[in-house]
Amino acid sequence: EFESVAQIKTWLASPEFTDLREIRHRSA
């Protein structure tokens, strides 16, 4: 849960998460 969909999109586009997303794509 986030305060808004806009906040989710900010998280999804953040450098911290985009680096981790690559790890997730390799493992799940």
mmCIF file of all heavy atoms, coordinates in Angstrom:
data_MODEL
# 
_entry.id   MODEL 
# 
loop_
_atom_site.group_PDB 
_atom_site.id 
_atom_site.type_symbol 
_atom_site.label_atom_id 
_atom_site.label_alt_id 
_atom_site.label_comp_id 
_atom_site.label_asym_id 
_atom_site.label_entity_id 
_atom_site.label_seq_id 
_atom_site.pdbx_PDB_ins_code 
_atom_site.Cartn_x 
_atom_site.Cartn_y 
_atom_site.Cartn_z 
_atom_site.occupancy 
_atom_site.B_iso_or_equiv 
_atom_site.pdbx_formal_charge 
_atom_site.auth_seq_id 
_atom_site.auth_comp_id 
_atom_site.auth_asym_id 
_atom_site.auth_atom_id 
_atom_site.pdbx_PDB_model_num 
ATOM 1   N N   . GLU A 1 1  ? 0.844  -1.192  0.000   1.00 0.00 ? 1  GLU A N   1 
ATOM 2   C CA  . GLU A 1 1  ? 0.000  0.000   0.000   1.00 0.00 ? 1  GLU A CA  1 
ATOM 3   C C   . GLU A 1 1  ? 0.883  1.246   0.000   1.00 0.00 ? 1  GLU A C   1 
ATOM 4   O O   . GLU A 1 1  ? 1.861  1.314   0.750   1.00 0.00 ? 1  GLU A O   1 
ATOM 5   C CB  . GLU A 1 1  ? -0.883 0.016   1.240   1.00 0.00 ? 1  GLU A CB  1 
ATOM 6   C CG  . GLU A 1 1  ? -1.777 1.233   1.331   1.00 0.00 ? 1  GLU A CG  1 
ATOM 7   C CD  . GLU A 1 1  ? -2.621 1.233   2.595   1.00 0.00 ? 1  GLU A CD  1 
ATOM 8   O OE1 . GLU A 1 1  ? -2.058 0.968   3.682   1.00 0.00 ? 1  GLU A OE1 1 
ATOM 9   O OE2 . GLU A 1 1  ? -3.828 1.482   2.484   1.00 0.00 ? 1  GLU A OE2 1 
ATOM 10  N N   . PHE A 1 2  ? 0.525  2.206   -0.852  1.00 0.00 ? 2  PHE A N   1 
ATOM 11  C CA  . PHE A 1 2  ? 1.176  3.510   -0.914  1.00 0.00 ? 2  PHE A CA  1 
ATOM 12  C C   . PHE A 1 2  ? 0.093  4.572   -0.771  1.00 0.00 ? 2  PHE A C   1 
ATOM 13  O O   . PHE A 1 2  ? -1.093 4.288   -0.927  1.00 0.00 ? 2  PHE A O   1 
ATOM 14  C CB  . PHE A 1 2  ? 1.901  3.689   -2.249  1.00 0.00 ? 2  PHE A CB  1 
ATOM 15  C CG  . PHE A 1 2  ? 3.139  2.846   -2.404  1.00 0.00 ? 2  PHE A CG  1 
ATOM 16  C CD1 . PHE A 1 2  ? 3.046  1.505   -2.732  1.00 0.00 ? 2  PHE A CD1 1 
ATOM 17  C CD2 . PHE A 1 2  ? 4.392  3.406   -2.231  1.00 0.00 ? 2  PHE A CD2 1 
ATOM 18  C CE1 . PHE A 1 2  ? 4.183  0.729   -2.888  1.00 0.00 ? 2  PHE A CE1 1 
ATOM 19  C CE2 . PHE A 1 2  ? 5.543  2.635   -2.386  1.00 0.00 ? 2  PHE A CE2 1 
ATOM 20  C CZ  . PHE A 1 2  ? 5.439  1.294   -2.713  1.00 0.00 ? 2  PHE A CZ  1 
ATOM 21  N N   . GLU A 1 3  ? 0.495  5.808   -0.534  1.00 0.00 ? 3  GLU A N   1 
ATOM 22  C CA  . GLU A 1 3  ? -0.474 6.888   -0.379  1.00 0.00 ? 3  GLU A CA  1 
ATOM 23  C C   . GLU A 1 3  ? -1.231 7.177   -1.670  1.00 0.00 ? 3  GLU A C   1 
ATOM 24  O O   . GLU A 1 3  ? -2.364 7.649   -1.626  1.00 0.00 ? 3  GLU A O   1 
ATOM 25  C CB  . GLU A 1 3  ? 0.218  8.153   0.117   1.00 0.00 ? 3  GLU A CB  1 
ATOM 26  C CG  . GLU A 1 3  ? 0.685  8.049   1.551   1.00 0.00 ? 3  GLU A CG  1 
ATOM 27  C CD  . GLU A 1 3  ? 1.373  9.305   2.034   1.00 0.00 ? 3  GLU A CD  1 
ATOM 28  O OE1 . GLU A 1 3  ? 1.230  10.368  1.395   1.00 0.00 ? 3  GLU A OE1 1 
ATOM 29  O OE2 . GLU A 1 3  ? 2.066  9.222   3.060   1.00 0.00 ? 3  GLU A OE2 1 
ATOM 30  N N   . SER A 1 4  ? -0.610 6.887   -2.829  1.00 0.00 ? 4  SER A N   1 
ATOM 31  C CA  . SER A 1 4  ? -1.252 7.166   -4.112  1.00 0.00 ? 4  SER A CA  1 
ATOM 32  C C   . SER A 1 4  ? -0.601 6.341   -5.211  1.00 0.00 ? 4  SER A C   1 
ATOM 33  O O   . SER A 1 4  ? 0.512  5.825   -5.049  1.00 0.00 ? 4  SER A O   1 
ATOM 34  C CB  . SER A 1 4  ? -1.127 8.647   -4.464  1.00 0.00 ? 4  SER A CB  1 
ATOM 35  O OG  . SER A 1 4  ? 0.235  8.971   -4.711  1.00 0.00 ? 4  SER A OG  1 
ATOM 36  N N   . VAL A 1 5  ? -1.287 6.266   -6.345  1.00 0.00 ? 5  VAL A N   1 
ATOM 37  C CA  . VAL A 1 5  ? -0.717 5.600   -7.514  1.00 0.00 ? 5  VAL A CA  1 
ATOM 38  C C   . VAL A 1 5  ? 0.500  6.389   -8.003  1.00 0.00 ? 5  VAL A C   1 
ATOM 39  O O   . VAL A 1 5  ? 1.499  5.801   -8.427  1.00 0.00 ? 5  VAL A O   1 
ATOM 40  C CB  . VAL A 1 5  ? -1.782 5.432   -8.624  1.00 0.00 ? 5  VAL A CB  1 
ATOM 41  C CG1 . VAL A 1 5  ? -1.143 4.979   -9.930  1.00 0.00 ? 5  VAL A CG1 1 
ATOM 42  C CG2 . VAL A 1 5  ? -2.854 4.430   -8.182  1.00 0.00 ? 5  VAL A CG2 1 
ATOM 43  N N   . ALA A 1 6  ? 0.439  7.708   -7.923  1.00 0.00 ? 6  ALA A N   1 
ATOM 44  C CA  . ALA A 1 6  ? 1.586  8.531   -8.328  1.00 0.00 ? 6  ALA A CA  1 
ATOM 45  C C   . ALA A 1 6  ? 2.818  8.182   -7.504  1.00 0.00 ? 6  ALA A C   1 
ATOM 46  O O   . ALA A 1 6  ? 3.941  8.115   -8.036  1.00 0.00 ? 6  ALA A O   1 
ATOM 47  C CB  . ALA A 1 6  ? 1.247  10.009  -8.187  1.00 0.00 ? 6  ALA A CB  1 
ATOM 48  N N   . GLN A 1 7  ? 2.640  7.934   -6.217  1.00 0.00 ? 7  GLN A N   1 
ATOM 49  C CA  . GLN A 1 7  ? 3.756  7.559   -5.351  1.00 0.00 ? 7  GLN A CA  1 
ATOM 50  C C   . GLN A 1 7  ? 4.313  6.189   -5.764  1.00 0.00 ? 7  GLN A C   1 
ATOM 51  O O   . GLN A 1 7  ? 5.532  5.982   -5.739  1.00 0.00 ? 7  GLN A O   1 
ATOM 52  C CB  . GLN A 1 7  ? 3.282  7.538   -3.899  1.00 0.00 ? 7  GLN A CB  1 
ATOM 53  C CG  . GLN A 1 7  ? 4.393  7.446   -2.888  1.00 0.00 ? 7  GLN A CG  1 
ATOM 54  C CD  . GLN A 1 7  ? 3.868  7.589   -1.468  1.00 0.00 ? 7  GLN A CD  1 
ATOM 55  O OE1 . GLN A 1 7  ? 2.670  7.472   -1.214  1.00 0.00 ? 7  GLN A OE1 1 
ATOM 56  N NE2 . GLN A 1 7  ? 4.761  7.839   -0.544  1.00 0.00 ? 7  GLN A NE2 1 
ATOM 57  N N   . ILE A 1 8  ? 3.452  5.277   -6.168  1.00 0.00 ? 8  ILE A N   1 
ATOM 58  C CA  . ILE A 1 8  ? 3.903  3.968   -6.649  1.00 0.00 ? 8  ILE A CA  1 
ATOM 59  C C   . ILE A 1 8  ? 4.776  4.148   -7.879  1.00 0.00 ? 8  ILE A C   1 
ATOM 60  O O   . ILE A 1 8  ? 5.848  3.548   -7.999  1.00 0.00 ? 8  ILE A O   1 
ATOM 61  C CB  . ILE A 1 8  ? 2.708  3.051   -6.974  1.00 0.00 ? 8  ILE A CB  1 
ATOM 62  C CG1 . ILE A 1 8  ? 1.955  2.686   -5.711  1.00 0.00 ? 8  ILE A CG1 1 
ATOM 63  C CG2 . ILE A 1 8  ? 3.177  1.797   -7.715  1.00 0.00 ? 8  ILE A CG2 1 
ATOM 64  C CD1 . ILE A 1 8  ? 0.608  2.017   -5.962  1.00 0.00 ? 8  ILE A CD1 1 
ATOM 65  N N   . LYS A 1 9  ? 4.319  4.978   -8.806  1.00 0.00 ? 9  LYS A N   1 
ATOM 66  C CA  . LYS A 1 9  ? 5.067  5.179   -10.057 1.00 0.00 ? 9  LYS A CA  1 
ATOM 67  C C   . LYS A 1 9  ? 6.421  5.830   -9.795  1.00 0.00 ? 9  LYS A C   1 
ATOM 68  O O   . LYS A 1 9  ? 7.406  5.508   -10.456 1.00 0.00 ? 9  LYS A O   1 
ATOM 69  C CB  . LYS A 1 9  ? 4.220  5.966   -11.041 1.00 0.00 ? 9  LYS A CB  1 
ATOM 70  C CG  . LYS A 1 9  ? 3.048  5.126   -11.530 1.00 0.00 ? 9  LYS A CG  1 
ATOM 71  C CD  . LYS A 1 9  ? 2.196  5.851   -12.530 1.00 0.00 ? 9  LYS A CD  1 
ATOM 72  C CE  . LYS A 1 9  ? 1.060  4.915   -12.977 1.00 0.00 ? 9  LYS A CE  1 
ATOM 73  N NZ  . LYS A 1 9  ? 0.216  5.544   -13.993 1.00 0.00 ? 9  LYS A NZ  1 
ATOM 74  N N   . THR A 1 10 ? 6.486  6.711   -8.790  1.00 0.00 ? 10 THR A N   1 
ATOM 75  C CA  . THR A 1 10 ? 7.775  7.296   -8.403  1.00 0.00 ? 10 THR A CA  1 
ATOM 76  C C   . THR A 1 10 ? 8.697  6.209   -7.871  1.00 0.00 ? 10 THR A C   1 
ATOM 77  O O   . THR A 1 10 ? 9.886  6.159   -8.211  1.00 0.00 ? 10 THR A O   1 
ATOM 78  C CB  . THR A 1 10 ? 7.570  8.401   -7.343  1.00 0.00 ? 10 THR A CB  1 
ATOM 79  O OG1 . THR A 1 10 ? 6.762  9.431   -7.915  1.00 0.00 ? 10 THR A OG1 1 
ATOM 80  C CG2 . THR A 1 10 ? 8.893  8.983   -6.876  1.00 0.00 ? 10 THR A CG2 1 
ATOM 81  N N   . TRP A 1 11 ? 8.169  5.329   -7.031  1.00 0.00 ? 11 TRP A N   1 
ATOM 82  C CA  . TRP A 1 11 ? 8.967  4.213   -6.501  1.00 0.00 ? 11 TRP A CA  1 
ATOM 83  C C   . TRP A 1 11 ? 9.442  3.309   -7.633  1.00 0.00 ? 11 TRP A C   1 
ATOM 84  O O   . TRP A 1 11 ? 10.617 2.953   -7.693  1.00 0.00 ? 11 TRP A O   1 
ATOM 85  C CB  . TRP A 1 11 ? 8.146  3.425   -5.484  1.00 0.00 ? 11 TRP A CB  1 
ATOM 86  C CG  . TRP A 1 11 ? 8.741  2.095   -5.100  1.00 0.00 ? 11 TRP A CG  1 
ATOM 87  C CD1 . TRP A 1 11 ? 9.929  1.884   -4.448  1.00 0.00 ? 11 TRP A CD1 1 
ATOM 88  C CD2 . TRP A 1 11 ? 8.196  0.813   -5.364  1.00 0.00 ? 11 TRP A CD2 1 
ATOM 89  N NE1 . TRP A 1 11 ? 10.138 0.532   -4.278  1.00 0.00 ? 11 TRP A NE1 1 
ATOM 90  C CE2 . TRP A 1 11 ? 9.085  -0.143  -4.838  1.00 0.00 ? 11 TRP A CE2 1 
ATOM 91  C CE3 . TRP A 1 11 ? 7.028  0.369   -5.987  1.00 0.00 ? 11 TRP A CE3 1 
ATOM 92  C CZ2 . TRP A 1 11 ? 8.850  -1.514  -4.921  1.00 0.00 ? 11 TRP A CZ2 1 
ATOM 93  C CZ3 . TRP A 1 11 ? 6.786  -0.991  -6.055  1.00 0.00 ? 11 TRP A CZ3 1 
ATOM 94  C CH2 . TRP A 1 11 ? 7.699  -1.914  -5.530  1.00 0.00 ? 11 TRP A CH2 1 
ATOM 95  N N   . LEU A 1 12 ? 8.534  2.944   -8.537  1.00 0.00 ? 12 LEU A N   1 
ATOM 96  C CA  . LEU A 1 12 ? 8.894  2.044   -9.637  1.00 0.00 ? 12 LEU A CA  1 
ATOM 97  C C   . LEU A 1 12 ? 9.986  2.625   -10.538 1.00 0.00 ? 12 LEU A C   1 
ATOM 98  O O   . LEU A 1 12 ? 10.789 1.884   -11.099 1.00 0.00 ? 12 LEU A O   1 
ATOM 99  C CB  . LEU A 1 12 ? 7.660  1.709   -10.473 1.00 0.00 ? 12 LEU A CB  1 
ATOM 100 C CG  . LEU A 1 12 ? 6.612  0.821   -9.804  1.00 0.00 ? 12 LEU A CG  1 
ATOM 101 C CD1 . LEU A 1 12 ? 5.353  0.752   -10.656 1.00 0.00 ? 12 LEU A CD1 1 
ATOM 102 C CD2 . LEU A 1 12 ? 7.170  -0.571  -9.544  1.00 0.00 ? 12 LEU A CD2 1 
ATOM 103 N N   . ALA A 1 13 ? 10.020 3.949   -10.671 1.00 0.00 ? 13 ALA A N   1 
ATOM 104 C CA  . ALA A 1 13 ? 11.004 4.606   -11.530 1.00 0.00 ? 13 ALA A CA  1 
ATOM 105 C C   . ALA A 1 13 ? 12.285 4.994   -10.791 1.00 0.00 ? 13 ALA A C   1 
ATOM 106 O O   . ALA A 1 13 ? 13.243 5.448   -11.417 1.00 0.00 ? 13 ALA A O   1 
ATOM 107 C CB  . ALA A 1 13 ? 10.384 5.853   -12.149 1.00 0.00 ? 13 ALA A CB  1 
ATOM 108 N N   . SER A 1 14 ? 12.315 4.786   -9.481  1.00 0.00 ? 14 SER A N   1 
ATOM 109 C CA  . SER A 1 14 ? 13.481 5.198   -8.695  1.00 0.00 ? 14 SER A CA  1 
ATOM 110 C C   . SER A 1 14 ? 14.703 4.350   -9.052  1.00 0.00 ? 14 SER A C   1 
ATOM 111 O O   . SER A 1 14 ? 14.579 3.156   -9.350  1.00 0.00 ? 14 SER A O   1 
ATOM 112 C CB  . SER A 1 14 ? 13.189 5.078   -7.200  1.00 0.00 ? 14 SER A CB  1 
ATOM 113 O OG  . SER A 1 14 ? 13.120 3.716   -6.804  1.00 0.00 ? 14 SER A OG  1 
ATOM 114 N N   . PRO A 1 15 ? 15.887 4.953   -9.028  1.00 0.00 ? 15 PRO A N   1 
ATOM 115 C CA  . PRO A 1 15 ? 17.111 4.189   -9.323  1.00 0.00 ? 15 PRO A CA  1 
ATOM 116 C C   . PRO A 1 15 ? 17.299 2.997   -8.385  1.00 0.00 ? 15 PRO A C   1 
ATOM 117 O O   . PRO A 1 15 ? 17.769 1.946   -8.805  1.00 0.00 ? 15 PRO A O   1 
ATOM 118 C CB  . PRO A 1 15 ? 18.237 5.214   -9.138  1.00 0.00 ? 15 PRO A CB  1 
ATOM 119 C CG  . PRO A 1 15 ? 17.581 6.545   -9.256  1.00 0.00 ? 15 PRO A CG  1 
ATOM 120 C CD  . PRO A 1 15 ? 16.161 6.361   -8.787  1.00 0.00 ? 15 PRO A CD  1 
ATOM 121 N N   . GLU A 1 16 ? 16.910 3.171   -7.114  1.00 0.00 ? 16 GLU A N   1 
ATOM 122 C CA  . GLU A 1 16 ? 17.076 2.079   -6.144  1.00 0.00 ? 16 GLU A CA  1 
ATOM 123 C C   . GLU A 1 16 ? 16.262 0.854   -6.569  1.00 0.00 ? 16 GLU A C   1 
ATOM 124 O O   . GLU A 1 16 ? 16.740 -0.277  -6.478  1.00 0.00 ? 16 GLU A O   1 
ATOM 125 C CB  . GLU A 1 16 ? 16.621 2.495   -4.740  1.00 0.00 ? 16 GLU A CB  1 
ATOM 126 C CG  . GLU A 1 16 ? 17.225 3.761   -4.206  1.00 0.00 ? 16 GLU A CG  1 
ATOM 127 C CD  . GLU A 1 16 ? 16.448 5.009   -4.636  1.00 0.00 ? 16 GLU A CD  1 
ATOM 128 O OE1 . GLU A 1 16 ? 15.256 4.911   -4.933  1.00 0.00 ? 16 GLU A OE1 1 
ATOM 129 O OE2 . GLU A 1 16 ? 17.070 6.083   -4.689  1.00 0.00 ? 16 GLU A OE2 1 
ATOM 130 N N   . PHE A 1 17 ? 15.019 1.096   -7.014  1.00 0.00 ? 17 PHE A N   1 
ATOM 131 C CA  . PHE A 1 17 ? 14.188 -0.039  -7.387  1.00 0.00 ? 17 PHE A CA  1 
ATOM 132 C C   . PHE A 1 17 ? 14.545 -0.576  -8.768  1.00 0.00 ? 17 PHE A C   1 
ATOM 133 O O   . PHE A 1 17 ? 14.528 -1.790  -8.968  1.00 0.00 ? 17 PHE A O   1 
ATOM 134 C CB  . PHE A 1 17 ? 12.701 0.290   -7.332  1.00 0.00 ? 17 PHE A CB  1 
ATOM 135 C CG  . PHE A 1 17 ? 11.852 -0.903  -7.674  1.00 0.00 ? 17 PHE A CG  1 
ATOM 136 C CD1 . PHE A 1 17 ? 11.722 -1.948  -6.785  1.00 0.00 ? 17 PHE A CD1 1 
ATOM 137 C CD2 . PHE A 1 17 ? 11.235 -1.011  -8.907  1.00 0.00 ? 17 PHE A CD2 1 
ATOM 138 C CE1 . PHE A 1 17 ? 10.982 -3.079  -7.102  1.00 0.00 ? 17 PHE A CE1 1 
ATOM 139 C CE2 . PHE A 1 17 ? 10.492 -2.132  -9.243  1.00 0.00 ? 17 PHE A CE2 1 
ATOM 140 C CZ  . PHE A 1 17 ? 10.369 -3.170  -8.327  1.00 0.00 ? 17 PHE A CZ  1 
ATOM 141 N N   . THR A 1 18 ? 14.855 0.280   -9.726  1.00 0.00 ? 18 THR A N   1 
ATOM 142 C CA  . THR A 1 18 ? 15.137 -0.227  -11.070 1.00 0.00 ? 18 THR A CA  1 
ATOM 143 C C   . THR A 1 18 ? 16.355 -1.146  -11.069 1.00 0.00 ? 18 THR A C   1 
ATOM 144 O O   . THR A 1 18 ? 16.388 -2.124  -11.810 1.00 0.00 ? 18 THR A O   1 
ATOM 145 C CB  . THR A 1 18 ? 15.292 0.908   -12.099 1.00 0.00 ? 18 THR A CB  1 
ATOM 146 O OG1 . THR A 1 18 ? 16.295 1.817   -11.651 1.00 0.00 ? 18 THR A OG1 1 
ATOM 147 C CG2 . THR A 1 18 ? 13.992 1.644   -12.315 1.00 0.00 ? 18 THR A CG2 1 
ATOM 148 N N   . ASP A 1 19 ? 17.350 -0.847  -10.230 1.00 0.00 ? 19 ASP A N   1 
ATOM 149 C CA  . ASP A 1 19 ? 18.495 -1.761  -10.104 1.00 0.00 ? 19 ASP A CA  1 
ATOM 150 C C   . ASP A 1 19 ? 18.051 -3.112  -9.549  1.00 0.00 ? 19 ASP A C   1 
ATOM 151 O O   . ASP A 1 19 ? 18.484 -4.167  -10.024 1.00 0.00 ? 19 ASP A O   1 
ATOM 152 C CB  . ASP A 1 19 ? 19.566 -1.164  -9.199  1.00 0.00 ? 19 ASP A CB  1 
ATOM 153 C CG  . ASP A 1 19 ? 20.289 0.014   -9.831  1.00 0.00 ? 19 ASP A CG  1 
ATOM 154 O OD1 . ASP A 1 19 ? 20.153 0.225   -11.054 1.00 0.00 ? 19 ASP A OD1 1 
ATOM 155 O OD2 . ASP A 1 19 ? 20.976 0.742   -9.088  1.00 0.00 ? 19 ASP A OD2 1 
ATOM 156 N N   . LEU A 1 20 ? 17.179 -3.082  -8.546  1.00 0.00 ? 20 LEU A N   1 
ATOM 157 C CA  . LEU A 1 20 ? 16.692 -4.331  -7.951  1.00 0.00 ? 20 LEU A CA  1 
ATOM 158 C C   . LEU A 1 20 ? 15.777 -5.095  -8.901  1.00 0.00 ? 20 LEU A C   1 
ATOM 159 O O   . LEU A 1 20 ? 15.755 -6.329  -8.892  1.00 0.00 ? 20 LEU A O   1 
ATOM 160 C CB  . LEU A 1 20 ? 15.966 -4.046  -6.638  1.00 0.00 ? 20 LEU A CB  1 
ATOM 161 C CG  . LEU A 1 20 ? 16.846 -3.585  -5.487  1.00 0.00 ? 20 LEU A CG  1 
ATOM 162 C CD1 . LEU A 1 20 ? 15.993 -3.252  -4.276  1.00 0.00 ? 20 LEU A CD1 1 
ATOM 163 C CD2 . LEU A 1 20 ? 17.884 -4.641  -5.146  1.00 0.00 ? 20 LEU A CD2 1 
ATOM 164 N N   . ARG A 1 21 ? 15.022 -4.370  -9.715  1.00 0.00 ? 21 ARG A N   1 
ATOM 165 C CA  . ARG A 1 21 ? 14.112 -5.033  -10.661 1.00 0.00 ? 21 ARG A CA  1 
ATOM 166 C C   . ARG A 1 21 ? 14.891 -5.971  -11.593 1.00 0.00 ? 21 ARG A C   1 
ATOM 167 O O   . ARG A 1 21 ? 14.419 -7.053  -11.926 1.00 0.00 ? 21 ARG A O   1 
ATOM 168 C CB  . ARG A 1 21 ? 13.339 -4.002  -11.471 1.00 0.00 ? 21 ARG A CB  1 
ATOM 169 C CG  . ARG A 1 21 ? 12.303 -4.643  -12.356 1.00 0.00 ? 21 ARG A CG  1 
ATOM 170 C CD  . ARG A 1 21 ? 11.568 -3.697  -13.265 1.00 0.00 ? 21 ARG A CD  1 
ATOM 171 N NE  . ARG A 1 21 ? 11.650 -2.313  -12.871 1.00 0.00 ? 21 ARG A NE  1 
ATOM 172 C CZ  . ARG A 1 21 ? 10.623 -1.474  -12.884 1.00 0.00 ? 21 ARG A CZ  1 
ATOM 173 N NH1 . ARG A 1 21 ? 9.449  -1.872  -13.265 1.00 0.00 ? 21 ARG A NH1 1 
ATOM 174 N NH2 . ARG A 1 21 ? 10.785 -0.228  -12.546 1.00 0.00 ? 21 ARG A NH2 1 
ATOM 175 N N   . GLU A 1 22 ? 16.092 -5.570  -11.979 1.00 0.00 ? 22 GLU A N   1 
ATOM 176 C CA  . GLU A 1 22 ? 16.921 -6.433  -12.834 1.00 0.00 ? 22 GLU A CA  1 
ATOM 177 C C   . GLU A 1 22 ? 17.252 -7.746  -12.121 1.00 0.00 ? 22 GLU A C   1 
ATOM 178 O O   . GLU A 1 22 ? 17.257 -8.807  -12.737 1.00 0.00 ? 22 GLU A O   1 
ATOM 179 C CB  . GLU A 1 22 ? 18.188 -5.696  -13.255 1.00 0.00 ? 22 GLU A CB  1 
ATOM 180 C CG  . GLU A 1 22 ? 17.929 -4.512  -14.153 1.00 0.00 ? 22 GLU A CG  1 
ATOM 181 C CD  . GLU A 1 22 ? 17.128 -4.869  -15.398 1.00 0.00 ? 22 GLU A CD  1 
ATOM 182 O OE1 . GLU A 1 22 ? 17.404 -5.903  -16.028 1.00 0.00 ? 22 GLU A OE1 1 
ATOM 183 O OE2 . GLU A 1 22 ? 16.187 -4.118  -15.718 1.00 0.00 ? 22 GLU A OE2 1 
ATOM 184 N N   . ILE A 1 23 ? 17.521 -7.666  -10.826 1.00 0.00 ? 23 ILE A N   1 
ATOM 185 C CA  . ILE A 1 23 ? 17.781 -8.887  -10.049 1.00 0.00 ? 23 ILE A CA  1 
ATOM 186 C C   . ILE A 1 23 ? 16.527 -9.751  -10.019 1.00 0.00 ? 23 ILE A C   1 
ATOM 187 O O   . ILE A 1 23 ? 16.594 -10.961 -10.200 1.00 0.00 ? 23 ILE A O   1 
ATOM 188 C CB  . ILE A 1 23 ? 18.241 -8.531  -8.617  1.00 0.00 ? 23 ILE A CB  1 
ATOM 189 C CG1 . ILE A 1 23 ? 19.572 -7.803  -8.663  1.00 0.00 ? 23 ILE A CG1 1 
ATOM 190 C CG2 . ILE A 1 23 ? 18.326 -9.782  -7.739  1.00 0.00 ? 23 ILE A CG2 1 
ATOM 191 C CD1 . ILE A 1 23 ? 19.993 -7.182  -7.345  1.00 0.00 ? 23 ILE A CD1 1 
ATOM 192 N N   . ARG A 1 24 ? 15.372 -9.115  -9.801  1.00 0.00 ? 24 ARG A N   1 
ATOM 193 C CA  . ARG A 1 24 ? 14.119 -9.885  -9.786  1.00 0.00 ? 24 ARG A CA  1 
ATOM 194 C C   . ARG A 1 24 ? 13.857 -10.537 -11.127 1.00 0.00 ? 24 ARG A C   1 
ATOM 195 O O   . ARG A 1 24 ? 13.435 -11.697 -11.192 1.00 0.00 ? 24 ARG A O   1 
ATOM 196 C CB  . ARG A 1 24 ? 12.942 -9.001  -9.386  1.00 0.00 ? 24 ARG A CB  1 
ATOM 197 C CG  . ARG A 1 24 ? 11.719 -9.853  -9.033  1.00 0.00 ? 24 ARG A CG  1 
ATOM 198 C CD  . ARG A 1 24 ? 10.435 -9.112  -9.001  1.00 0.00 ? 24 ARG A CD  1 
ATOM 199 N NE  . ARG A 1 24 ? 10.048 -8.802  -10.365 1.00 0.00 ? 24 ARG A NE  1 
ATOM 200 C CZ  . ARG A 1 24 ? 9.467  -7.669  -10.740 1.00 0.00 ? 24 ARG A CZ  1 
ATOM 201 N NH1 . ARG A 1 24 ? 9.214  -6.725  -9.889  1.00 0.00 ? 24 ARG A NH1 1 
ATOM 202 N NH2 . ARG A 1 24 ? 9.146  -7.481  -11.998 1.00 0.00 ? 24 ARG A NH2 1 
ATOM 203 N N   . HIS A 1 25 ? 14.116 -9.835  -12.210 1.00 0.00 ? 25 HIS A N   1 
ATOM 204 C CA  . HIS A 1 25 ? 13.886 -10.419 -13.541 1.00 0.00 ? 25 HIS A CA  1 
ATOM 205 C C   . HIS A 1 25 ? 14.761 -11.647 -13.782 1.00 0.00 ? 25 HIS A C   1 
ATOM 206 O O   . HIS A 1 25 ? 14.353 -12.565 -14.496 1.00 0.00 ? 25 HIS A O   1 
ATOM 207 C CB  . HIS A 1 25 ? 14.148 -9.381  -14.629 1.00 0.00 ? 25 HIS A CB  1 
ATOM 208 C CG  . HIS A 1 25 ? 13.059 -8.361  -14.732 1.00 0.00 ? 25 HIS A CG  1 
ATOM 209 N ND1 . HIS A 1 25 ? 13.179 -7.241  -15.513 1.00 0.00 ? 25 HIS A ND1 1 
ATOM 210 C CD2 . HIS A 1 25 ? 11.837 -8.270  -14.151 1.00 0.00 ? 25 HIS A CD2 1 
ATOM 211 C CE1 . HIS A 1 25 ? 12.074 -6.517  -15.419 1.00 0.00 ? 25 HIS A CE1 1 
ATOM 212 N NE2 . HIS A 1 25 ? 11.251 -7.126  -14.584 1.00 0.00 ? 25 HIS A NE2 1 
ATOM 213 N N   . ARG A 1 26 ? 15.947 -11.667 -13.193 1.00 0.00 ? 26 ARG A N   1 
ATOM 214 C CA  . ARG A 1 26 ? 16.838 -12.825 -13.346 1.00 0.00 ? 26 ARG A CA  1 
ATOM 215 C C   . ARG A 1 26 ? 16.442 -13.997 -12.452 1.00 0.00 ? 26 ARG A C   1 
ATOM 216 O O   . ARG A 1 26 ? 16.868 -15.119 -12.677 1.00 0.00 ? 26 ARG A O   1 
ATOM 217 C CB  . ARG A 1 26 ? 18.281 -12.425 -13.025 1.00 0.00 ? 26 ARG A CB  1 
ATOM 218 C CG  . ARG A 1 26 ? 18.908 -11.512 -14.042 1.00 0.00 ? 26 ARG A CG  1 
ATOM 219 C CD  . ARG A 1 26 ? 20.435 -11.414 -13.892 1.00 0.00 ? 26 ARG A CD  1 
ATOM 220 N NE  . ARG A 1 26 ? 20.920 -11.356 -12.525 1.00 0.00 ? 26 ARG A NE  1 
ATOM 221 C CZ  . ARG A 1 26 ? 21.205 -10.236 -11.857 1.00 0.00 ? 26 ARG A CZ  1 
ATOM 222 N NH1 . ARG A 1 26 ? 21.019 -9.065  -12.421 1.00 0.00 ? 26 ARG A NH1 1 
ATOM 223 N NH2 . ARG A 1 26 ? 21.671 -10.285 -10.626 1.00 0.00 ? 26 ARG A NH2 1 
ATOM 224 N N   . SER A 1 27 ? 15.634 -13.736 -11.428 1.00 0.00 ? 27 SER A N   1 
ATOM 225 C CA  . SER A 1 27 ? 15.393 -14.770 -10.434 1.00 0.00 ? 27 SER A CA  1 
ATOM 226 C C   . SER A 1 27 ? 13.924 -15.139 -10.230 1.00 0.00 ? 27 SER A C   1 
ATOM 227 O O   . SER A 1 27 ? 13.624 -16.029 -9.434  1.00 0.00 ? 27 SER A O   1 
ATOM 228 C CB  . SER A 1 27 ? 15.972 -14.323 -9.091  1.00 0.00 ? 27 SER A CB  1 
ATOM 229 O OG  . SER A 1 27 ? 15.333 -13.141 -8.647  1.00 0.00 ? 27 SER A OG  1 
ATOM 230 N N   . ALA A 1 28 ? 13.013 -14.463 -10.948 1.00 0.00 ? 28 ALA A N   1 
ATOM 231 C CA  . ALA A 1 28 ? 11.589 -14.737 -10.740 1.00 0.00 ? 28 ALA A CA  1 
ATOM 232 C C   . ALA A 1 28 ? 10.787 -14.231 -11.934 1.00 0.00 ? 28 ALA A C   1 
ATOM 233 O O   . ALA A 1 28 ? 11.248 -13.372 -12.679 1.00 0.00 ? 28 ALA A O   1 
ATOM 234 C CB  . ALA A 1 28 ? 11.101 -14.045 -9.461  1.00 0.00 ? 28 ALA A CB  1 
# 
